[in-house]
Amino acid sequence: MVSQCTLFPTRTLEVSAKPIQRQISQPVLPREIDLKEPYWYVVSDENLEEFLERVKKENPNSGDLVFFAMSVPDYELMAYNMQELKRYITELKSIVVYYRTVTTEDIEYVKKD
């Protein structure tokens, strides 16, 4: 029983490797963001009456006048948050573009700024 492996002749095993063509589907990129720019009014004690007259003239059929107010530090915080979003989206887009160019051979992707 100890010699059972030696009864069979040894065989040569040939190992070969070749690259496999990968099939990675590319998702469609979302359409570009279409942001509209709002108009910001800066109202202070000095120009409050002028602002009220302007709003009444521009919107004669509107009902009550409503204000949305924000302090200067909160406005700076909002501007910081928007910059952070812009940074994050830009970095995420560069990652997507990288993987798209790495995984496609025949499609040439042109980066739009």
N, C-alpha and C. Protein backbone atom coordinates (compact mmCIF):
# COMPACT_ATOMS: atom_id res chain seq x y z
N MET A 1 0.80 -1.19 0.00
CA MET A 1 0.00 0.00 0.00
C MET A 1 0.85 1.27 0.00
N VAL A 2 2.02 1.17 0.49
CA VAL A 2 2.87 2.34 0.54
C VAL A 2 3.38 2.70 -0.85
N SER A 3 3.51 1.79 -1.74
CA SER A 3 4.10 2.04 -3.05
C SER A 3 3.07 2.28 -4.15
N GLN A 4 1.85 2.58 -3.83
CA GLN A 4 0.82 2.73 -4.86
C GLN A 4 1.08 3.91 -5.79
N CYS A 5 1.60 4.98 -5.32
CA CYS A 5 1.85 6.14 -6.17
C CYS A 5 2.99 5.89 -7.13
N THR A 6 3.89 5.04 -6.81
CA THR A 6 5.04 4.80 -7.68
C THR A 6 4.73 3.81 -8.79
N LEU A 7 3.59 3.19 -8.78
CA LEU A 7 3.25 2.23 -9.82
C LEU A 7 2.88 2.91 -11.13
N PHE A 8 2.34 4.13 -11.04
CA PHE A 8 1.94 4.87 -12.24
C PHE A 8 3.10 5.73 -12.73
N PRO A 9 3.24 5.84 -14.03
CA PRO A 9 4.33 6.69 -14.52
C PRO A 9 3.99 8.18 -14.28
N THR A 10 5.01 8.98 -14.14
CA THR A 10 4.77 10.41 -13.90
C THR A 10 4.41 11.08 -15.22
N ARG A 11 3.54 12.07 -15.12
CA ARG A 11 3.12 12.81 -16.30
C ARG A 11 3.57 14.26 -16.17
N THR A 12 3.87 14.85 -17.29
CA THR A 12 4.26 16.25 -17.30
C THR A 12 2.99 17.09 -17.46
N LEU A 13 2.87 18.06 -16.61
CA LEU A 13 1.71 18.94 -16.64
C LEU A 13 2.15 20.27 -17.23
N GLU A 14 1.45 20.70 -18.26
CA GLU A 14 1.79 21.96 -18.91
C GLU A 14 0.76 23.02 -18.50
N VAL A 15 1.25 24.13 -17.99
CA VAL A 15 0.38 25.22 -17.53
C VAL A 15 0.59 26.41 -18.47
N SER A 16 -0.51 26.93 -18.94
CA SER A 16 -0.41 28.13 -19.79
C SER A 16 -1.48 29.13 -19.34
N ALA A 17 -1.18 30.39 -19.55
CA ALA A 17 -2.13 31.44 -19.17
C ALA A 17 -2.23 32.43 -20.31
N LYS A 18 -3.42 32.91 -20.54
CA LYS A 18 -3.62 33.95 -21.55
C LYS A 18 -4.63 34.95 -21.00
N PRO A 19 -4.50 36.19 -21.39
CA PRO A 19 -5.43 37.20 -20.86
C PRO A 19 -6.86 36.95 -21.36
N ILE A 20 -7.79 37.23 -20.49
CA ILE A 20 -9.20 37.08 -20.81
C ILE A 20 -9.76 38.45 -21.17
N GLN A 21 -10.46 38.51 -22.27
CA GLN A 21 -11.10 39.76 -22.67
C GLN A 21 -12.30 40.00 -21.75
N ARG A 22 -12.28 41.10 -21.03
CA ARG A 22 -13.37 41.36 -20.09
C ARG A 22 -14.48 42.15 -20.77
N GLN A 23 -15.67 41.86 -20.38
CA GLN A 23 -16.86 42.52 -20.92
C GLN A 23 -17.44 43.42 -19.83
N ILE A 24 -17.06 44.68 -19.82
CA ILE A 24 -17.55 45.63 -18.82
C ILE A 24 -18.44 46.62 -19.53
N SER A 25 -19.68 46.66 -19.12
CA SER A 25 -20.60 47.61 -19.74
C SER A 25 -20.39 48.99 -19.12
N GLN A 26 -20.45 50.00 -19.94
CA GLN A 26 -20.24 51.36 -19.49
C GLN A 26 -21.60 52.04 -19.29
N PRO A 27 -21.85 52.55 -18.10
CA PRO A 27 -23.13 53.23 -17.88
C PRO A 27 -23.15 54.55 -18.64
N VAL A 28 -24.33 54.97 -18.97
CA VAL A 28 -24.49 56.25 -19.65
C VAL A 28 -24.28 57.35 -18.62
N LEU A 29 -23.47 58.32 -18.98
CA LEU A 29 -23.25 59.44 -18.06
C LEU A 29 -24.52 60.27 -17.96
N PRO A 30 -24.80 60.80 -16.77
CA PRO A 30 -26.00 61.62 -16.63
C PRO A 30 -25.85 62.92 -17.41
N ARG A 31 -26.98 63.51 -17.73
CA ARG A 31 -26.91 64.77 -18.47
C ARG A 31 -26.30 65.84 -17.58
N GLU A 32 -25.78 66.86 -18.20
CA GLU A 32 -25.13 67.94 -17.47
C GLU A 32 -26.15 68.66 -16.59
N ILE A 33 -25.68 69.23 -15.51
CA ILE A 33 -26.55 69.97 -14.60
C ILE A 33 -26.92 71.30 -15.25
N ASP A 34 -28.19 71.63 -15.20
CA ASP A 34 -28.66 72.89 -15.77
C ASP A 34 -29.20 73.75 -14.64
N LEU A 35 -28.31 74.49 -14.01
CA LEU A 35 -28.70 75.33 -12.88
C LEU A 35 -29.10 76.71 -13.38
N LYS A 36 -30.09 77.25 -12.75
CA LYS A 36 -30.53 78.61 -13.02
C LYS A 36 -29.98 79.52 -11.93
N GLU A 37 -29.57 80.70 -12.31
CA GLU A 37 -28.96 81.62 -11.36
C GLU A 37 -30.03 82.53 -10.75
N PRO A 38 -30.22 82.44 -9.45
CA PRO A 38 -31.19 83.34 -8.81
C PRO A 38 -30.59 84.74 -8.64
N TYR A 39 -31.44 85.70 -8.48
CA TYR A 39 -30.97 87.06 -8.22
C TYR A 39 -31.04 87.31 -6.72
N TRP A 40 -29.94 87.75 -6.17
CA TRP A 40 -29.87 88.01 -4.74
C TRP A 40 -29.98 89.51 -4.49
N TYR A 41 -30.84 89.87 -3.57
CA TYR A 41 -30.96 91.26 -3.14
C TYR A 41 -30.24 91.42 -1.81
N VAL A 42 -29.47 92.46 -1.70
CA VAL A 42 -28.83 92.78 -0.43
C VAL A 42 -29.60 93.97 0.13
N VAL A 43 -30.34 93.72 1.21
CA VAL A 43 -31.21 94.73 1.78
C VAL A 43 -30.66 95.13 3.15
N SER A 44 -30.56 96.44 3.35
CA SER A 44 -30.11 96.96 4.63
C SER A 44 -31.09 98.05 5.07
N ASP A 45 -30.81 98.67 6.19
CA ASP A 45 -31.68 99.76 6.67
C ASP A 45 -31.75 100.90 5.67
N GLU A 46 -30.65 101.15 4.98
CA GLU A 46 -30.59 102.29 4.06
C GLU A 46 -31.43 102.09 2.80
N ASN A 47 -31.52 100.85 2.29
CA ASN A 47 -32.23 100.64 1.03
C ASN A 47 -33.51 99.82 1.17
N LEU A 48 -34.06 99.71 2.37
CA LEU A 48 -35.25 98.91 2.58
C LEU A 48 -36.46 99.46 1.83
N GLU A 49 -36.71 100.75 1.93
CA GLU A 49 -37.87 101.35 1.26
C GLU A 49 -37.75 101.23 -0.26
N GLU A 50 -36.56 101.48 -0.77
CA GLU A 50 -36.32 101.35 -2.22
C GLU A 50 -36.55 99.91 -2.67
N PHE A 51 -36.10 98.95 -1.87
CA PHE A 51 -36.29 97.55 -2.19
C PHE A 51 -37.77 97.19 -2.22
N LEU A 52 -38.53 97.65 -1.22
CA LEU A 52 -39.97 97.34 -1.17
C LEU A 52 -40.68 97.91 -2.39
N GLU A 53 -40.34 99.11 -2.80
CA GLU A 53 -40.96 99.71 -3.99
C GLU A 53 -40.60 98.91 -5.25
N ARG A 54 -39.36 98.51 -5.34
CA ARG A 54 -38.92 97.73 -6.50
C ARG A 54 -39.67 96.41 -6.58
N VAL A 55 -39.82 95.71 -5.46
CA VAL A 55 -40.51 94.41 -5.45
C VAL A 55 -41.97 94.59 -5.82
N LYS A 56 -42.63 95.65 -5.31
CA LYS A 56 -44.03 95.89 -5.66
C LYS A 56 -44.18 96.22 -7.14
N LYS A 57 -43.22 96.93 -7.70
CA LYS A 57 -43.28 97.29 -9.12
C LYS A 57 -43.05 96.06 -10.00
N GLU A 58 -42.11 95.20 -9.62
CA GLU A 58 -41.79 94.01 -10.42
C GLU A 58 -42.85 92.93 -10.29
N ASN A 59 -43.55 92.87 -9.17
CA ASN A 59 -44.57 91.84 -8.94
C ASN A 59 -45.88 92.50 -8.50
N PRO A 60 -46.58 93.15 -9.42
CA PRO A 60 -47.78 93.88 -9.01
C PRO A 60 -48.94 92.97 -8.58
N ASN A 61 -49.00 91.74 -9.06
CA ASN A 61 -50.12 90.84 -8.75
C ASN A 61 -49.83 89.90 -7.59
N SER A 62 -48.66 90.04 -6.98
CA SER A 62 -48.34 89.12 -5.88
C SER A 62 -49.08 89.55 -4.62
N GLY A 63 -49.27 88.59 -3.75
CA GLY A 63 -49.99 88.86 -2.50
C GLY A 63 -49.07 89.47 -1.46
N ASP A 64 -48.95 88.79 -0.35
CA ASP A 64 -48.11 89.28 0.73
C ASP A 64 -46.64 89.20 0.36
N LEU A 65 -45.88 90.10 0.94
CA LEU A 65 -44.44 90.13 0.72
C LEU A 65 -43.78 89.24 1.77
N VAL A 66 -42.92 88.32 1.33
CA VAL A 66 -42.25 87.38 2.22
C VAL A 66 -40.74 87.51 2.02
N PHE A 67 -40.00 87.50 3.12
CA PHE A 67 -38.55 87.59 3.07
C PHE A 67 -37.94 86.28 3.54
N PHE A 68 -36.86 85.90 2.90
CA PHE A 68 -36.02 84.81 3.36
C PHE A 68 -34.70 85.46 3.75
N ALA A 69 -34.36 85.41 5.00
CA ALA A 69 -33.17 86.12 5.47
C ALA A 69 -32.10 85.13 5.92
N MET A 70 -30.86 85.60 5.86
CA MET A 70 -29.73 84.77 6.26
C MET A 70 -28.65 85.71 6.81
N SER A 71 -28.03 85.28 7.88
CA SER A 71 -26.95 86.09 8.44
C SER A 71 -25.70 85.93 7.57
N VAL A 72 -24.76 86.85 7.71
CA VAL A 72 -23.53 86.79 6.93
C VAL A 72 -22.74 85.51 7.22
N PRO A 73 -22.56 85.09 8.49
CA PRO A 73 -21.84 83.82 8.72
C PRO A 73 -22.56 82.61 8.11
N ASP A 74 -23.90 82.62 8.15
CA ASP A 74 -24.63 81.51 7.53
C ASP A 74 -24.48 81.53 6.01
N TYR A 75 -24.43 82.72 5.41
CA TYR A 75 -24.21 82.82 3.97
C TYR A 75 -22.82 82.28 3.62
N GLU A 76 -21.83 82.61 4.42
CA GLU A 76 -20.49 82.09 4.19
C GLU A 76 -20.46 80.57 4.32
N LEU A 77 -21.22 80.05 5.29
CA LEU A 77 -21.31 78.60 5.46
C LEU A 77 -21.97 77.95 4.24
N MET A 78 -23.01 78.57 3.71
CA MET A 78 -23.66 78.05 2.51
C MET A 78 -22.69 78.06 1.33
N ALA A 79 -21.92 79.14 1.18
CA ALA A 79 -20.94 79.21 0.10
C ALA A 79 -19.87 78.13 0.26
N TYR A 80 -19.43 77.88 1.49
CA TYR A 80 -18.47 76.82 1.75
C TYR A 80 -19.04 75.45 1.37
N ASN A 81 -20.29 75.22 1.75
CA ASN A 81 -20.94 73.94 1.42
C ASN A 81 -21.04 73.74 -0.09
N MET A 82 -21.34 74.81 -0.83
CA MET A 82 -21.42 74.70 -2.28
C MET A 82 -20.05 74.37 -2.88
N GLN A 83 -19.00 74.95 -2.33
CA GLN A 83 -17.65 74.64 -2.81
C GLN A 83 -17.29 73.19 -2.51
N GLU A 84 -17.70 72.70 -1.35
CA GLU A 84 -17.44 71.30 -1.00
C GLU A 84 -18.18 70.36 -1.96
N LEU A 85 -19.42 70.69 -2.29
CA LEU A 85 -20.17 69.88 -3.25
C LEU A 85 -19.48 69.89 -4.61
N LYS A 86 -19.03 71.05 -5.03
CA LYS A 86 -18.35 71.17 -6.32
C LYS A 86 -17.07 70.35 -6.32
N ARG A 87 -16.29 70.40 -5.24
CA ARG A 87 -15.07 69.62 -5.13
C ARG A 87 -15.36 68.13 -5.19
N TYR A 88 -16.37 67.70 -4.43
CA TYR A 88 -16.72 66.28 -4.38
C TYR A 88 -17.17 65.77 -5.75
N ILE A 89 -18.00 66.54 -6.43
CA ILE A 89 -18.49 66.13 -7.74
C ILE A 89 -17.34 66.07 -8.74
N THR A 90 -16.43 67.03 -8.69
CA THR A 90 -15.29 67.04 -9.59
C THR A 90 -14.40 65.82 -9.36
N GLU A 91 -14.13 65.50 -8.11
CA GLU A 91 -13.30 64.33 -7.81
C GLU A 91 -14.00 63.04 -8.21
N LEU A 92 -15.30 62.96 -7.98
CA LEU A 92 -16.05 61.78 -8.36
C LEU A 92 -16.07 61.62 -9.88
N LYS A 93 -16.21 62.72 -10.59
CA LYS A 93 -16.21 62.67 -12.05
C LYS A 93 -14.86 62.19 -12.57
N SER A 94 -13.78 62.63 -11.94
CA SER A 94 -12.46 62.19 -12.41
C SER A 94 -12.28 60.69 -12.19
N ILE A 95 -12.85 60.16 -11.12
CA ILE A 95 -12.78 58.71 -10.88
C ILE A 95 -13.56 57.95 -11.95
N VAL A 96 -14.75 58.44 -12.27
CA VAL A 96 -15.58 57.80 -13.30
C VAL A 96 -14.87 57.84 -14.65
N VAL A 97 -14.29 58.98 -14.99
CA VAL A 97 -13.57 59.11 -16.26
C VAL A 97 -12.38 58.18 -16.29
N TYR A 98 -11.67 58.06 -15.18
CA TYR A 98 -10.53 57.14 -15.12
C TYR A 98 -10.96 55.71 -15.40
N TYR A 99 -11.99 55.23 -14.71
CA TYR A 99 -12.42 53.85 -14.92
C TYR A 99 -13.00 53.64 -16.30
N ARG A 100 -13.62 54.66 -16.85
CA ARG A 100 -14.15 54.54 -18.20
C ARG A 100 -13.01 54.39 -19.19
N THR A 101 -11.96 55.16 -19.05
CA THR A 101 -10.83 55.06 -19.99
C THR A 101 -10.03 53.78 -19.79
N VAL A 102 -9.96 53.29 -18.56
CA VAL A 102 -9.22 52.05 -18.30
C VAL A 102 -9.96 50.84 -18.83
N THR A 103 -11.27 50.85 -18.77
CA THR A 103 -12.05 49.66 -19.13
C THR A 103 -12.52 49.66 -20.56
N THR A 104 -12.28 50.70 -21.31
CA THR A 104 -12.67 50.69 -22.72
C THR A 104 -11.43 50.83 -23.58
N GLU A 105 -11.39 50.03 -24.62
CA GLU A 105 -10.24 50.08 -25.52
C GLU A 105 -10.56 50.85 -26.79
N ASP A 106 -11.74 50.62 -27.34
CA ASP A 106 -12.05 51.20 -28.63
C ASP A 106 -12.81 52.52 -28.53
N ILE A 107 -13.37 52.84 -27.38
CA ILE A 107 -14.12 54.09 -27.23
C ILE A 107 -13.18 55.13 -26.64
N GLU A 108 -13.04 56.22 -27.34
CA GLU A 108 -12.21 57.30 -26.83
C GLU A 108 -13.11 58.31 -26.14
N TYR A 109 -12.88 58.52 -24.86
CA TYR A 109 -13.70 59.44 -24.08
C TYR A 109 -12.98 60.76 -23.97
N VAL A 110 -13.64 61.82 -24.36
CA VAL A 110 -13.06 63.16 -24.28
C VAL A 110 -13.65 63.84 -23.07
N LYS A 111 -12.78 64.30 -22.16
CA LYS A 111 -13.22 64.97 -20.95
C LYS A 111 -13.63 66.40 -21.27
N LYS A 112 -14.84 66.75 -20.84
CA LYS A 112 -15.34 68.12 -21.02
C LYS A 112 -15.19 68.87 -19.72
N ASP A 113 -14.70 70.08 -19.79
CA ASP A 113 -14.58 70.91 -18.58
C ASP A 113 -15.60 72.00 -18.62
